[in-house]
Amino acid sequence: MHIRPTASADIYDVSILADLAFQDEEFWRWLTPGMYNYPNDRSRFYRLRTRGRAVTKGGCISLVAVTDDSDPEWSGKEEIVGYAFWKRQGTSEQAKKWQKEPWGSTVLERNLLWVELQYERLINRAVDFKRWDNMITAFGSLQSQTDFPEQWHCTVLGVSPKYRRRGIGSLLLNWGLEKAREESVPAVLEATPAGVALYEKTGFKPVLEVGPEDTPEYFLTIMIWEPEELQGQWLTEEAIQRSRDRLREAPVVIRT
């Protein structure tokens, strides 16, 4: 098992994996209440979302975990069993080094994708777009409102259900943590309730629990990881309080 950068030819397989990885989580079932009646609609939406992450302006670093000949299940052909998107936030020279246009990312590509997503909103029967928009509005503001301007942000991480508890999630996380360690910045993510325990084992600590204003029972936990030699530099009561104060201006409910 090893990780490598995602290639354009991987996007379809990654989108299928994303569909499988999150379909049993209550948070994602809430976002896609028609998922069982209209599975093709849900899968199509995930393909568009995955493509969107891959061509995001400013650059997301996309990684996949794949099988190889060291695995008992090796069939002679690699299989994508996990994926993650990492993004370097900030304005430092170190951050700018990573903030390049990803493969296949052009203005035309992004515009065409935007048109596809608008059409998808008209025809998709699996996704509740009112809930989705509320979630995007709420959690999309978190990065600008929290008190960690220079950071590595894990925007999403998923593992194939049949390959869980094999260390794949940690493998994908450690890529970003190593970059954060090298650059002496924290790593940040937003975890669903099902993911908190995994991230705590890797050294992440919960900061705040927040949810959309209209449905605060569906929440994410903001979590932060600090390099060992810099423990306590960012995860301070003062920083958490500043984040809490800023988030009062965002359309979220703070649970803790």
Protein backbone atom coordinates (compact mmCIF):
# COMPACT_ATOMS: atom_id res chain seq x y z
CA MET A 1 0.00 0.00 0.00
CA HIS A 2 1.32 3.44 -0.83
CA ILE A 3 0.08 6.93 -1.63
CA ARG A 4 0.68 8.93 -4.78
CA PRO A 5 -0.65 12.13 -6.39
CA THR A 6 -4.07 11.80 -7.99
CA ALA A 7 -4.06 11.67 -11.79
CA SER A 8 -6.87 12.97 -13.97
CA ALA A 9 -7.71 9.37 -14.91
CA ASP A 10 -8.37 8.63 -11.21
CA ILE A 11 -11.23 11.10 -10.74
CA TYR A 12 -14.02 8.68 -11.63
CA ASP A 13 -12.70 6.02 -9.24
CA VAL A 14 -12.19 8.60 -6.49
CA SER A 15 -15.77 9.83 -6.87
CA ILE A 16 -17.08 6.25 -6.59
CA LEU A 17 -14.95 5.78 -3.48
CA ALA A 18 -16.27 9.04 -2.00
CA ASP A 19 -19.80 7.77 -2.50
CA LEU A 20 -19.00 4.52 -0.68
CA ALA A 21 -16.90 6.08 2.08
CA PHE A 22 -19.58 8.42 3.40
CA GLN A 23 -22.90 6.77 2.61
CA ASP A 24 -23.29 5.29 6.11
CA GLU A 25 -22.57 8.53 7.98
CA GLU A 26 -25.65 10.26 9.39
CA PHE A 27 -24.32 13.70 8.46
CA TRP A 28 -24.06 12.79 4.77
CA ARG A 29 -27.37 10.92 4.75
CA TRP A 30 -28.95 14.13 6.02
CA LEU A 31 -27.43 16.03 3.07
CA THR A 32 -28.57 13.41 0.54
CA PRO A 33 -31.94 12.11 1.80
CA GLY A 34 -32.80 10.62 -1.61
CA MET A 35 -29.59 8.61 -1.83
CA TYR A 36 -31.27 5.20 -1.61
CA ASN A 37 -34.10 5.97 -4.00
CA TYR A 38 -31.85 7.72 -6.51
CA PRO A 39 -28.34 6.26 -6.14
CA ASN A 40 -27.29 7.30 -9.65
CA ASP A 41 -28.13 10.93 -8.86
CA ARG A 42 -26.02 10.82 -5.70
CA SER A 43 -23.08 9.20 -7.52
CA ARG A 44 -23.26 11.74 -10.35
CA PHE A 45 -23.22 14.58 -7.83
CA TYR A 46 -20.14 13.14 -6.11
CA ARG A 47 -18.34 12.93 -9.46
CA LEU A 48 -18.99 16.61 -10.06
CA ARG A 49 -17.92 17.54 -6.54
CA THR A 50 -14.71 15.53 -6.87
CA ARG A 51 -13.89 17.17 -10.19
CA GLY A 52 -14.57 20.53 -8.58
CA ARG A 53 -12.07 19.91 -5.80
CA ALA A 54 -9.46 18.77 -8.31
CA VAL A 55 -9.60 21.99 -10.37
CA THR A 56 -10.06 24.46 -7.50
CA LYS A 57 -8.28 27.73 -8.19
CA GLY A 58 -5.32 28.15 -5.88
CA GLY A 59 -4.66 24.46 -5.86
CA CYS A 60 -5.72 21.51 -3.79
CA ILE A 61 -3.18 18.74 -3.41
CA SER A 62 -5.01 15.52 -4.17
CA LEU A 63 -3.66 12.16 -3.02
CA VAL A 64 -4.81 8.58 -3.42
CA ALA A 65 -3.87 5.45 -1.50
CA VAL A 66 -3.46 2.48 -3.82
CA THR A 67 -2.78 -1.22 -3.42
CA ASP A 68 0.51 -2.70 -4.59
CA ASP A 69 2.31 -6.06 -4.63
CA SER A 70 2.97 -5.86 -0.87
CA ASP A 71 -0.74 -6.33 -0.15
CA PRO A 72 -2.37 -9.76 0.32
CA GLU A 73 -5.23 -8.71 -1.99
CA TRP A 74 -2.91 -7.64 -4.80
CA SER A 75 -4.47 -8.66 -8.12
CA GLY A 76 -1.77 -7.34 -10.40
CA LYS A 77 -3.64 -4.07 -10.88
CA GLU A 78 -3.63 -1.21 -8.39
CA GLU A 79 -6.90 -0.30 -6.71
CA ILE A 80 -7.69 3.10 -5.21
CA VAL A 81 -8.67 2.46 -1.58
CA GLY A 82 -8.43 5.93 -0.05
CA TYR A 83 -8.10 9.57 -1.00
CA ALA A 84 -7.51 12.97 0.56
CA PHE A 85 -7.45 16.59 -0.48
CA TRP A 86 -5.03 18.91 1.30
CA LYS A 87 -4.83 22.67 0.82
CA ARG A 88 -2.11 25.04 2.00
CA GLN A 89 -3.73 28.15 3.44
CA GLY A 90 -1.87 31.39 4.00
CA THR A 91 0.04 34.20 2.33
CA SER A 92 3.62 33.29 3.22
CA GLU A 93 6.18 32.33 0.60
CA GLN A 94 5.93 28.74 1.79
CA ALA A 95 2.18 28.81 1.19
CA LYS A 96 2.48 30.41 -2.25
CA LYS A 97 4.81 27.60 -3.33
CA TRP A 98 1.87 25.19 -3.07
CA GLN A 99 -0.84 27.50 -4.40
CA LYS A 100 -0.45 26.71 -8.07
CA GLU A 101 -3.04 25.79 -10.65
CA PRO A 102 -3.74 22.03 -10.47
CA TRP A 103 -3.66 19.75 -13.49
CA GLY A 104 -6.45 20.37 -15.99
CA SER A 105 -7.40 23.58 -14.21
CA THR A 106 -8.30 26.33 -16.64
CA VAL A 107 -10.89 29.09 -16.63
CA LEU A 108 -12.80 27.16 -19.30
CA GLU A 109 -12.73 23.94 -17.27
CA ARG A 110 -14.01 25.71 -14.16
CA ASN A 111 -16.72 27.54 -16.10
CA LEU A 112 -17.94 24.34 -17.75
CA LEU A 113 -18.02 22.61 -14.40
CA TRP A 114 -20.04 25.49 -12.92
CA VAL A 115 -22.62 25.08 -15.72
CA GLU A 116 -22.82 21.34 -15.07
CA LEU A 117 -23.35 21.93 -11.35
CA GLN A 118 -26.15 24.43 -12.00
CA TYR A 119 -27.89 21.93 -14.26
CA GLU A 120 -27.37 19.22 -11.66
CA ARG A 121 -29.25 21.33 -9.13
CA LEU A 122 -32.29 21.19 -11.40
CA ILE A 123 -32.35 17.45 -12.01
CA ASN A 124 -30.76 15.80 -8.96
CA ARG A 125 -33.27 13.99 -6.73
CA ALA A 126 -30.85 12.64 -4.14
CA VAL A 127 -29.37 15.86 -2.74
CA ASP A 128 -31.24 18.37 -0.59
CA PHE A 129 -29.66 21.52 -2.01
CA LYS A 130 -31.13 23.81 0.63
CA ARG A 131 -29.33 21.79 3.29
CA TRP A 132 -26.22 21.59 1.11
CA ASP A 133 -26.16 25.37 0.59
CA ASN A 134 -26.61 25.99 4.31
CA MET A 135 -23.77 23.60 5.06
CA ILE A 136 -21.46 25.22 2.49
CA THR A 137 -22.30 28.71 3.77
CA ALA A 138 -21.75 27.71 7.38
CA PHE A 139 -18.62 25.64 7.11
CA GLY A 140 -17.15 27.53 4.17
CA SER A 141 -16.65 30.50 6.47
CA LEU A 142 -14.75 28.55 9.11
CA GLN A 143 -11.31 28.87 7.54
CA SER A 144 -11.55 32.66 7.28
CA GLN A 145 -12.96 33.04 10.79
CA THR A 146 -10.66 30.79 12.82
CA ASP A 147 -7.39 32.09 14.25
CA PHE A 148 -4.97 29.91 12.25
CA PRO A 149 -4.15 31.85 9.03
CA GLU A 150 -1.09 29.77 8.07
CA GLN A 151 -2.02 26.09 7.99
CA TRP A 152 -2.36 22.85 6.10
CA HIS A 153 -6.07 22.14 5.77
CA CYS A 154 -7.36 18.62 5.13
CA THR A 155 -10.57 19.40 3.25
CA VAL A 156 -11.73 15.79 2.89
CA LEU A 157 -10.46 12.26 3.53
CA GLY A 158 -12.19 8.98 2.69
CA VAL A 159 -11.30 5.29 2.88
CA SER A 160 -12.98 2.33 1.19
CA PRO A 161 -15.22 0.52 3.72
CA LYS A 162 -13.58 -2.84 3.00
CA TYR A 163 -10.09 -1.43 3.67
CA ARG A 164 -10.79 0.37 6.94
CA ARG A 165 -8.69 -0.23 10.06
CA ARG A 166 -5.66 -0.86 7.89
CA GLY A 167 -3.89 2.46 8.57
CA ILE A 168 -4.89 4.03 5.26
CA GLY A 169 -6.45 7.09 6.86
CA SER A 170 -3.31 7.65 8.91
CA LEU A 171 -1.16 7.25 5.81
CA LEU A 172 -3.09 10.00 4.02
CA LEU A 173 -3.11 12.21 7.10
CA ASN A 174 0.60 11.82 7.71
CA TRP A 175 1.42 13.27 4.30
CA GLY A 176 -0.08 16.61 5.34
CA LEU A 177 1.25 16.41 8.89
CA GLU A 178 4.77 15.94 7.60
CA LYS A 179 4.41 19.05 5.42
CA ALA A 180 3.04 20.98 8.42
CA ARG A 181 5.98 19.78 10.51
CA GLU A 182 8.51 20.83 7.85
CA GLU A 183 6.95 24.30 7.58
CA SER A 184 6.25 24.76 11.33
CA VAL A 185 2.53 25.41 10.85
CA PRO A 186 -0.55 23.64 12.25
CA ALA A 187 -2.84 21.25 10.38
CA VAL A 188 -6.59 21.82 10.60
CA LEU A 189 -9.67 19.83 9.59
CA GLU A 190 -13.40 19.60 10.25
CA ALA A 191 -14.47 16.13 11.43
CA THR A 192 -17.86 14.48 11.44
CA PRO A 193 -18.75 12.71 14.70
CA ALA A 194 -17.68 9.39 13.15
CA GLY A 195 -14.21 10.71 12.33
CA VAL A 196 -13.23 12.43 15.59
CA ALA A 197 -11.74 9.31 17.21
CA LEU A 198 -9.50 8.56 14.19
CA TYR A 199 -8.10 12.07 14.15
CA GLU A 200 -7.53 12.14 17.92
CA LYS A 201 -5.38 9.00 17.58
CA THR A 202 -3.24 10.89 15.06
CA GLY A 203 -2.72 13.80 17.45
CA PHE A 204 -5.49 16.19 16.44
CA LYS A 205 -7.28 17.99 19.27
CA PRO A 206 -10.87 19.29 19.15
CA VAL A 207 -11.27 23.08 19.24
CA LEU A 208 -14.94 23.86 18.59
CA GLU A 209 -18.11 22.07 17.51
CA VAL A 210 -20.22 24.06 15.08
CA GLY A 211 -23.36 23.42 13.05
CA PRO A 212 -25.58 25.30 10.54
CA GLU A 213 -28.00 27.76 12.13
CA ASP A 214 -31.14 25.91 11.06
CA THR A 215 -30.01 22.39 12.00
CA PRO A 216 -27.29 22.63 14.68
CA GLU A 217 -27.71 18.94 15.57
CA TYR A 218 -25.71 18.17 12.41
CA PHE A 219 -22.31 19.49 13.37
CA LEU A 220 -18.63 19.24 12.57
CA THR A 221 -15.74 19.46 15.00
CA ILE A 222 -12.90 21.83 14.15
CA MET A 223 -9.68 20.02 15.06
CA ILE A 224 -6.06 21.15 15.06
CA TRP A 225 -2.70 19.37 15.05
CA GLU A 226 0.51 21.11 16.11
CA PRO A 227 4.11 20.04 15.38
CA GLU A 228 5.63 18.39 18.43
CA GLU A 229 8.20 21.10 19.09
CA LEU A 230 5.54 23.81 18.81
CA GLN A 231 2.86 22.33 21.05
CA GLY A 232 0.68 25.05 22.54
CA GLN A 233 1.67 27.78 20.08
CA TRP A 234 -1.73 27.87 18.36
CA LEU A 235 -3.97 25.79 20.59
CA THR A 236 -4.37 28.41 23.29
CA GLU A 237 -7.43 29.65 25.15
CA GLU A 238 -6.88 33.10 23.62
CA ALA A 239 -6.79 31.76 20.05
CA ILE A 240 -9.86 29.59 20.61
CA GLN A 241 -11.74 32.55 22.08
CA ARG A 242 -10.79 34.75 19.11
CA SER A 243 -12.09 32.05 16.75
CA ARG A 244 -15.26 31.77 18.80
CA ASP A 245 -15.78 35.55 18.66
CA ARG A 246 -15.24 35.66 14.89
CA LEU A 247 -17.60 32.74 14.31
CA ARG A 248 -20.40 34.65 16.00
CA GLU A 249 -20.55 36.67 12.77
CA ALA A 250 -20.86 33.49 10.67
CA PRO A 251 -24.12 31.57 10.01
CA VAL A 252 -23.27 28.80 12.46
CA VAL A 253 -24.26 27.66 15.93
CA ILE A 254 -21.35 27.06 18.30
CA ARG A 255 -21.99 23.95 20.41
CA THR A 256 -18.87 24.09 22.58
